[in-house]
Amino acid sequence: MKKVNFQRLVMAAALLLVQASAKAQSGVAGLNTATSQLKTYIDPATTIVLVIGGIVGIVGAVRVYSKWNSGDQDINKELMGWGGSCLFLVVSSLIVKSFFGL
């Protein structure tokens, strides 16, 4: 009895697997649609990143200028931190554009 139940279970599992592979599609059309929709978001997103980088740059410049005028000796570390963050934002937006071929 157990052997018959096991054989039925194996047969049912095999039929389910065959049915699933018969209904499967390649998905190329879905991937192409997703890629084209994603490409429409790249330009606005990189523009927003560049605007945020500009705002961060202005805030950093004001902070460095105020520290410089107050006579603080630790300007180099502050300048490298703010400048590095602005440079990262600009370079990351360019890398994203080149990654999607725009």
N, C-alpha and C. Protein backbone atom coordinates (compact mmCIF):
# COMPACT_ATOMS: atom_id res chain seq x y z
N MET A 1 0.82 -1.18 0.00
CA MET A 1 0.00 0.00 0.00
C MET A 1 0.87 1.26 0.00
N LYS A 2 1.92 1.24 0.83
CA LYS A 2 2.80 2.41 0.90
C LYS A 2 3.54 2.61 -0.42
N LYS A 3 3.88 1.49 -1.06
CA LYS A 3 4.61 1.58 -2.32
C LYS A 3 3.73 2.20 -3.40
N VAL A 4 2.46 1.86 -3.41
CA VAL A 4 1.53 2.41 -4.39
C VAL A 4 1.33 3.91 -4.16
N ASN A 5 1.19 4.30 -2.89
CA ASN A 5 1.03 5.72 -2.56
C ASN A 5 2.28 6.52 -2.95
N PHE A 6 3.44 5.93 -2.71
CA PHE A 6 4.68 6.60 -3.07
C PHE A 6 4.80 6.76 -4.58
N GLN A 7 4.42 5.73 -5.33
CA GLN A 7 4.47 5.81 -6.79
C GLN A 7 3.50 6.87 -7.32
N ARG A 8 2.33 6.95 -6.71
CA ARG A 8 1.36 7.97 -7.12
C ARG A 8 1.89 9.37 -6.82
N LEU A 9 2.54 9.51 -5.68
CA LEU A 9 3.10 10.81 -5.31
C LEU A 9 4.21 11.22 -6.27
N VAL A 10 5.06 10.29 -6.63
CA VAL A 10 6.14 10.57 -7.57
C VAL A 10 5.56 10.92 -8.94
N MET A 11 4.54 10.21 -9.37
CA MET A 11 3.92 10.48 -10.66
C MET A 11 3.25 11.85 -10.66
N ALA A 12 2.58 12.20 -9.59
CA ALA A 12 1.93 13.52 -9.50
C ALA A 12 2.96 14.64 -9.52
N ALA A 13 4.06 14.45 -8.80
CA ALA A 13 5.12 15.46 -8.79
C ALA A 13 5.74 15.62 -10.17
N ALA A 14 5.94 14.51 -10.86
CA ALA A 14 6.52 14.58 -12.21
C ALA A 14 5.58 15.30 -13.16
N LEU A 15 4.29 15.03 -13.07
CA LEU A 15 3.32 15.72 -13.92
C LEU A 15 3.28 17.21 -13.63
N LEU A 16 3.37 17.58 -12.37
CA LEU A 16 3.38 19.00 -12.02
C LEU A 16 4.62 19.70 -12.57
N LEU A 17 5.76 19.05 -12.50
CA LEU A 17 6.98 19.65 -13.03
C LEU A 17 6.93 19.79 -14.54
N VAL A 18 6.40 18.79 -15.23
CA VAL A 18 6.29 18.86 -16.69
C VAL A 18 5.33 19.97 -17.09
N GLN A 19 4.23 20.09 -16.37
CA GLN A 19 3.24 21.12 -16.67
C GLN A 19 3.83 22.52 -16.47
N ALA A 20 4.58 22.71 -15.40
CA ALA A 20 5.17 24.03 -15.13
C ALA A 20 6.17 24.42 -16.20
N SER A 21 6.97 23.48 -16.66
CA SER A 21 7.94 23.82 -17.70
C SER A 21 7.27 24.03 -19.04
N ALA A 22 6.14 23.41 -19.28
CA ALA A 22 5.42 23.61 -20.53
C ALA A 22 4.81 25.01 -20.60
N LYS A 23 4.42 25.57 -19.46
CA LYS A 23 3.81 26.89 -19.43
C LYS A 23 4.84 28.01 -19.32
N ALA A 24 6.07 27.68 -19.02
CA ALA A 24 7.10 28.70 -18.84
C ALA A 24 7.43 29.37 -20.16
N GLN A 25 7.70 30.69 -20.07
CA GLN A 25 8.08 31.47 -21.24
C GLN A 25 9.45 32.06 -21.00
N SER A 26 10.04 32.56 -22.05
CA SER A 26 11.41 33.07 -21.92
C SER A 26 11.46 34.37 -21.14
N GLY A 27 10.46 35.22 -21.23
CA GLY A 27 10.44 36.46 -20.48
C GLY A 27 11.22 37.58 -21.11
N VAL A 28 11.64 37.43 -22.35
CA VAL A 28 12.44 38.45 -23.02
C VAL A 28 11.62 39.73 -23.20
N ALA A 29 10.35 39.59 -23.54
CA ALA A 29 9.51 40.77 -23.74
C ALA A 29 9.36 41.55 -22.44
N GLY A 30 9.19 40.84 -21.34
CA GLY A 30 9.08 41.50 -20.04
C GLY A 30 10.36 42.22 -19.64
N LEU A 31 11.49 41.59 -19.90
CA LEU A 31 12.77 42.23 -19.59
C LEU A 31 13.01 43.46 -20.45
N ASN A 32 12.64 43.39 -21.72
CA ASN A 32 12.81 44.55 -22.60
C ASN A 32 11.91 45.71 -22.16
N THR A 33 10.68 45.39 -21.74
CA THR A 33 9.78 46.43 -21.25
C THR A 33 10.32 47.07 -19.98
N ALA A 34 10.82 46.24 -19.06
CA ALA A 34 11.38 46.78 -17.82
C ALA A 34 12.60 47.64 -18.09
N THR A 35 13.44 47.24 -19.03
CA THR A 35 14.63 48.03 -19.37
C THR A 35 14.25 49.37 -19.97
N SER A 36 13.27 49.37 -20.86
CA SER A 36 12.87 50.65 -21.47
C SER A 36 12.21 51.57 -20.46
N GLN A 37 11.43 51.02 -19.53
CA GLN A 37 10.83 51.86 -18.50
C GLN A 37 11.89 52.40 -17.55
N LEU A 38 12.88 51.58 -17.24
CA LEU A 38 13.95 52.02 -16.34
C LEU A 38 14.79 53.12 -16.97
N LYS A 39 14.98 53.05 -18.29
CA LYS A 39 15.75 54.08 -18.97
C LYS A 39 15.06 55.44 -18.93
N THR A 40 13.73 55.45 -18.84
CA THR A 40 13.02 56.74 -18.76
C THR A 40 13.23 57.41 -17.41
N TYR A 41 13.58 56.65 -16.38
CA TYR A 41 13.79 57.22 -15.06
C TYR A 41 15.22 57.68 -14.83
N ILE A 42 16.15 57.31 -15.69
CA ILE A 42 17.56 57.59 -15.44
C ILE A 42 17.86 59.08 -15.53
N ASP A 43 17.39 59.76 -16.57
CA ASP A 43 17.69 61.19 -16.72
C ASP A 43 17.16 62.03 -15.57
N PRO A 44 15.89 61.89 -15.15
CA PRO A 44 15.44 62.67 -14.00
C PRO A 44 16.18 62.32 -12.72
N ALA A 45 16.51 61.04 -12.53
CA ALA A 45 17.21 60.64 -11.31
C ALA A 45 18.62 61.23 -11.27
N THR A 46 19.33 61.22 -12.39
CA THR A 46 20.67 61.80 -12.39
C THR A 46 20.62 63.32 -12.23
N THR A 47 19.58 63.95 -12.76
CA THR A 47 19.43 65.39 -12.56
C THR A 47 19.20 65.70 -11.09
N ILE A 48 18.37 64.90 -10.43
CA ILE A 48 18.13 65.11 -9.00
C ILE A 48 19.41 64.90 -8.20
N VAL A 49 20.19 63.89 -8.56
CA VAL A 49 21.46 63.64 -7.86
C VAL A 49 22.41 64.81 -8.05
N LEU A 50 22.47 65.38 -9.25
CA LEU A 50 23.34 66.53 -9.49
C LEU A 50 22.87 67.76 -8.72
N VAL A 51 21.56 67.95 -8.62
CA VAL A 51 21.03 69.08 -7.84
C VAL A 51 21.36 68.90 -6.36
N ILE A 52 21.19 67.69 -5.86
CA ILE A 52 21.55 67.42 -4.46
C ILE A 52 23.05 67.65 -4.25
N GLY A 53 23.86 67.24 -5.22
CA GLY A 53 25.30 67.49 -5.13
C GLY A 53 25.63 68.96 -5.12
N GLY A 54 24.90 69.76 -5.90
CA GLY A 54 25.11 71.21 -5.89
C GLY A 54 24.75 71.83 -4.55
N ILE A 55 23.63 71.38 -3.98
CA ILE A 55 23.22 71.91 -2.67
C ILE A 55 24.22 71.51 -1.60
N VAL A 56 24.66 70.26 -1.63
CA VAL A 56 25.66 69.80 -0.66
C VAL A 56 26.96 70.58 -0.84
N GLY A 57 27.32 70.87 -2.08
CA GLY A 57 28.53 71.65 -2.34
C GLY A 57 28.44 73.06 -1.79
N ILE A 58 27.28 73.70 -1.95
CA ILE A 58 27.10 75.06 -1.42
C ILE A 58 27.15 75.05 0.10
N VAL A 59 26.47 74.09 0.73
CA VAL A 59 26.49 74.00 2.19
C VAL A 59 27.91 73.74 2.68
N GLY A 60 28.62 72.84 2.01
CA GLY A 60 30.00 72.56 2.40
C GLY A 60 30.91 73.75 2.22
N ALA A 61 30.72 74.50 1.14
CA ALA A 61 31.55 75.69 0.92
C ALA A 61 31.31 76.73 2.00
N VAL A 62 30.05 76.91 2.40
CA VAL A 62 29.75 77.88 3.46
C VAL A 62 30.36 77.42 4.78
N ARG A 63 30.28 76.14 5.08
CA ARG A 63 30.86 75.65 6.34
C ARG A 63 32.38 75.78 6.35
N VAL A 64 33.02 75.45 5.24
CA VAL A 64 34.48 75.57 5.17
C VAL A 64 34.88 77.04 5.26
N TYR A 65 34.15 77.92 4.59
CA TYR A 65 34.46 79.35 4.63
C TYR A 65 34.31 79.90 6.05
N SER A 66 33.25 79.49 6.74
CA SER A 66 33.06 79.99 8.11
C SER A 66 34.14 79.45 9.04
N LYS A 67 34.55 78.20 8.87
CA LYS A 67 35.64 77.66 9.69
C LYS A 67 36.96 78.36 9.38
N TRP A 68 37.18 78.67 8.11
CA TRP A 68 38.40 79.32 7.70
C TRP A 68 38.48 80.72 8.30
N ASN A 69 37.37 81.43 8.26
CA ASN A 69 37.36 82.79 8.82
C ASN A 69 37.47 82.80 10.34
N SER A 70 37.00 81.74 11.00
CA SER A 70 37.09 81.71 12.46
C SER A 70 38.48 81.27 12.92
N GLY A 71 39.34 80.89 12.00
CA GLY A 71 40.71 80.54 12.35
C GLY A 71 40.89 79.09 12.76
N ASP A 72 39.94 78.25 12.43
CA ASP A 72 40.05 76.83 12.76
C ASP A 72 41.16 76.20 11.93
N GLN A 73 41.97 75.35 12.56
CA GLN A 73 43.10 74.73 11.87
C GLN A 73 42.73 73.41 11.19
N ASP A 74 41.49 72.99 11.34
CA ASP A 74 41.08 71.68 10.83
C ASP A 74 40.26 71.82 9.54
N ILE A 75 40.67 72.73 8.66
CA ILE A 75 39.90 72.97 7.44
C ILE A 75 40.13 71.86 6.42
N ASN A 76 41.32 71.32 6.36
CA ASN A 76 41.64 70.32 5.34
C ASN A 76 40.74 69.09 5.44
N LYS A 77 40.52 68.63 6.66
CA LYS A 77 39.66 67.46 6.84
C LYS A 77 38.23 67.77 6.43
N GLU A 78 37.75 68.93 6.81
CA GLU A 78 36.39 69.36 6.45
C GLU A 78 36.26 69.52 4.93
N LEU A 79 37.26 70.14 4.33
CA LEU A 79 37.24 70.37 2.89
C LEU A 79 37.27 69.05 2.12
N MET A 80 38.08 68.12 2.55
CA MET A 80 38.16 66.82 1.88
C MET A 80 36.85 66.04 2.04
N GLY A 81 36.23 66.15 3.19
CA GLY A 81 34.96 65.45 3.41
C GLY A 81 33.85 65.97 2.51
N TRP A 82 33.66 67.29 2.50
CA TRP A 82 32.60 67.87 1.67
C TRP A 82 32.93 67.74 0.18
N GLY A 83 34.16 67.98 -0.18
CA GLY A 83 34.55 67.85 -1.59
C GLY A 83 34.43 66.41 -2.08
N GLY A 84 34.80 65.47 -1.25
CA GLY A 84 34.68 64.06 -1.62
C GLY A 84 33.24 63.64 -1.80
N SER A 85 32.35 64.15 -0.94
CA SER A 85 30.94 63.78 -1.09
C SER A 85 30.36 64.36 -2.37
N CYS A 86 30.72 65.60 -2.71
CA CYS A 86 30.23 66.19 -3.96
C CYS A 86 30.79 65.45 -5.17
N LEU A 87 32.06 65.11 -5.11
CA LEU A 87 32.68 64.37 -6.21
C LEU A 87 32.03 63.00 -6.38
N PHE A 88 31.72 62.34 -5.26
CA PHE A 88 31.05 61.05 -5.33
C PHE A 88 29.69 61.16 -5.99
N LEU A 89 28.91 62.19 -5.65
CA LEU A 89 27.59 62.34 -6.25
C LEU A 89 27.68 62.58 -7.75
N VAL A 90 28.62 63.39 -8.18
CA VAL A 90 28.77 63.68 -9.61
C VAL A 90 29.23 62.43 -10.36
N VAL A 91 30.21 61.74 -9.83
CA VAL A 91 30.74 60.55 -10.50
C VAL A 91 29.71 59.42 -10.51
N SER A 92 28.95 59.27 -9.42
CA SER A 92 27.95 58.21 -9.40
C SER A 92 26.85 58.45 -10.42
N SER A 93 26.46 59.70 -10.63
CA SER A 93 25.44 59.97 -11.65
C SER A 93 25.98 59.67 -13.05
N LEU A 94 27.25 59.95 -13.28
CA LEU A 94 27.84 59.62 -14.59
C LEU A 94 27.97 58.12 -14.80
N ILE A 95 28.30 57.40 -13.74
CA ILE A 95 28.43 55.95 -13.85
C ILE A 95 27.08 55.31 -14.12
N VAL A 96 26.03 55.81 -13.47
CA VAL A 96 24.70 55.26 -13.71
C VAL A 96 24.28 55.49 -15.15
N LYS A 97 24.56 56.68 -15.68
CA LYS A 97 24.22 56.96 -17.08
C LYS A 97 25.00 56.05 -18.03
N SER A 98 26.28 55.86 -17.77
CA SER A 98 27.07 55.01 -18.66
C SER A 98 26.69 53.54 -18.52
N PHE A 99 26.23 53.14 -17.34
CA PHE A 99 25.80 51.76 -17.13
C PHE A 99 24.60 51.41 -17.99
N PHE A 100 23.68 52.35 -18.14
CA PHE A 100 22.49 52.10 -18.95
C PHE A 100 22.67 52.55 -20.40
N GLY A 101 23.84 53.01 -20.76
CA GLY A 101 24.13 53.36 -22.14
C GLY A 101 23.45 54.62 -22.61
N LEU A 102 23.30 55.58 -21.74
CA LEU A 102 22.66 56.84 -22.12
C LEU A 102 23.68 57.93 -22.29
